[in-house]
Protein backbone atom coordinates (compact mmCIF):
# COMPACT_ATOMS: atom_id res chain seq x y z
CA GLN A 1 -7.11 -9.62 1.11
CA VAL A 2 -6.05 -7.23 3.93
CA GLN A 3 -5.83 -3.54 3.50
CA LEU A 4 -3.94 -1.01 5.66
CA VAL A 5 -4.74 2.45 6.14
CA GLU A 6 -2.40 5.17 8.02
CA SER A 7 -3.46 8.36 9.51
CA GLY A 8 -1.54 11.06 11.67
CA GLY A 9 1.44 12.39 9.87
CA GLY A 10 2.31 16.22 9.63
CA LEU A 11 4.18 19.14 10.64
CA VAL A 12 5.55 19.64 14.26
CA GLN A 13 8.05 21.80 15.65
CA PRO A 14 10.72 20.11 17.41
CA GLY A 15 9.85 18.78 20.79
CA GLY A 16 6.39 18.41 19.57
CA SER A 17 4.40 15.44 19.68
CA LEU A 18 2.39 13.16 17.21
CA ARG A 19 0.19 10.05 16.86
CA LEU A 20 0.48 7.97 14.13
CA SER A 21 -2.25 5.00 13.25
CA CYS A 22 -2.42 2.11 10.81
CA ALA A 23 -5.96 -0.27 10.66
CA ALA A 24 -5.74 -3.06 9.04
CA SER A 25 -9.14 -3.97 7.23
CA GLY A 26 -10.61 -7.38 5.48
CA SER A 27 -11.61 -10.63 6.36
CA ASP A 28 -10.51 -14.11 7.66
CA PHE A 29 -6.87 -13.48 8.88
CA SER A 30 -5.31 -12.93 12.01
CA ILE A 31 -2.25 -10.36 13.15
CA SER A 32 0.89 -11.76 14.51
CA ALA A 33 2.97 -8.66 14.82
CA MET A 34 2.47 -4.90 14.20
CA GLY A 35 5.08 -2.16 13.63
CA TRP A 36 6.62 0.72 12.50
CA TYR A 37 9.34 1.45 10.24
CA ARG A 38 10.77 5.31 8.80
CA GLN A 39 12.55 6.15 5.66
CA ALA A 40 14.57 9.01 5.47
CA PRO A 41 16.02 10.63 2.27
CA GLY A 42 19.00 9.14 1.10
CA LYS A 43 18.65 6.23 3.90
CA GLN A 44 17.52 2.95 4.31
CA ARG A 45 14.21 1.87 5.91
CA GLU A 46 14.87 1.43 9.46
CA LEU A 47 12.80 0.02 12.43
CA VAL A 48 11.13 2.42 14.75
CA ALA A 49 9.11 0.07 16.85
CA ASP A 50 7.39 -3.40 16.30
CA ASN A 51 4.78 -5.50 18.58
CA SER A 52 4.80 -9.33 18.42
CA ILE A 53 1.23 -9.50 19.45
CA GLY A 54 1.37 -11.74 22.96
CA GLY A 55 5.03 -11.31 22.60
CA SER A 56 7.58 -8.49 23.02
CA ILE A 57 7.82 -5.44 21.98
CA THR A 58 10.90 -3.93 20.07
CA TYR A 59 12.13 0.00 19.69
CA ALA A 60 15.36 1.56 17.74
CA ASP A 61 17.71 2.88 20.45
CA SER A 62 17.30 6.32 18.89
CA VAL A 63 13.44 6.44 20.08
CA LYS A 64 13.42 4.60 23.22
CA GLY A 65 11.84 6.94 25.91
CA ARG A 66 10.06 9.09 23.52
CA PHE A 67 8.23 6.88 21.08
CA THR A 68 5.47 4.35 22.25
CA ILE A 69 3.72 1.55 20.31
CA SER A 70 0.46 0.30 20.83
CA THR A 71 -2.44 -1.90 19.36
CA ASP A 72 -5.81 -2.33 19.72
CA ASN A 73 -6.20 -6.16 19.07
CA ALA A 74 -9.97 -5.66 18.40
CA LYS A 75 -9.83 -2.91 15.72
CA ASN A 76 -6.36 -4.84 14.22
CA THR A 77 -4.95 -0.85 14.59
CA VAL A 78 -1.38 -0.17 15.48
CA TYR A 79 -0.60 3.02 17.01
CA LEU A 80 2.79 5.03 17.15
CA GLN A 81 2.88 8.10 19.92
CA MET A 82 6.04 10.43 19.10
CA ASN A 83 6.95 12.61 21.85
CA ARG A 84 9.64 15.16 22.40
CA LEU A 85 9.97 14.84 18.40
CA LYS A 86 13.65 16.11 17.25
CA PRO A 87 14.51 16.94 13.50
CA GLU A 88 16.50 13.74 12.84
CA ASP A 89 13.01 12.20 13.18
CA THR A 90 11.93 13.47 9.78
CA ALA A 91 10.96 10.64 7.48
CA VAL A 92 8.33 8.91 5.93
CA TYR A 93 6.75 6.66 8.28
CA TYR A 94 5.47 2.73 7.22
CA CYS A 95 3.36 0.51 9.27
CA ASN A 96 4.14 -3.15 8.72
CA ILE A 97 1.59 -6.25 9.60
CA ARG A 98 2.50 -9.87 9.55
CA GLY A 99 -0.24 -12.45 10.10
CA ARG A 100 -1.51 -15.30 8.03
CA TYR A 101 -5.01 -15.84 6.09
CA TYR A 102 -7.30 -18.73 7.02
CA VAL A 103 -8.70 -19.66 3.47
CA PRO A 104 -5.99 -20.39 2.14
CA HIS A 105 -3.61 -20.80 4.81
CA ARG A 106 -0.76 -18.40 4.11
CA PRO A 107 1.04 -16.01 5.56
CA PHE A 108 1.16 -12.18 4.87
CA ASP A 109 3.53 -9.29 5.27
CA LEU A 110 1.81 -5.90 4.45
CA TRP A 111 3.16 -2.53 4.51
CA GLY A 112 1.28 0.82 4.40
CA ARG A 113 1.49 3.43 1.86
CA GLY A 114 3.50 5.62 4.44
CA THR A 115 2.93 8.88 5.80
CA GLN A 116 5.11 11.83 6.14
CA VAL A 117 6.35 13.38 9.27
CA THR A 118 8.64 16.49 9.18
CA VAL A 119 9.91 17.80 12.50
CA SER A 120 10.96 21.74 11.58
CA SER A 121 10.66 24.93 13.33
């Protein structure tokens, strides 16, 4: 079974930066996409950024130019560098990793437990 471990959330002042990371561990699997979503109180979970391995990167309009998603495929890790943070970025951030197990050959779509990001002065 693949397990995800997130880290990097916290409290930051407006205009500050944070870096989130999410590492997938386990055996006998391959990853096809890695991404980040967030959910603010009273709102639905929404896409922040998604990286289709070997394909395209998608960003929410609200974070374009401020957030950068990157992956270390050798470490099965996805990062989210968040710059120029705003109070409206406050949310629980979840990583999402999709791929396939080799044995048995079946897909998976996994979510991290979430990490709180609070932007406040």
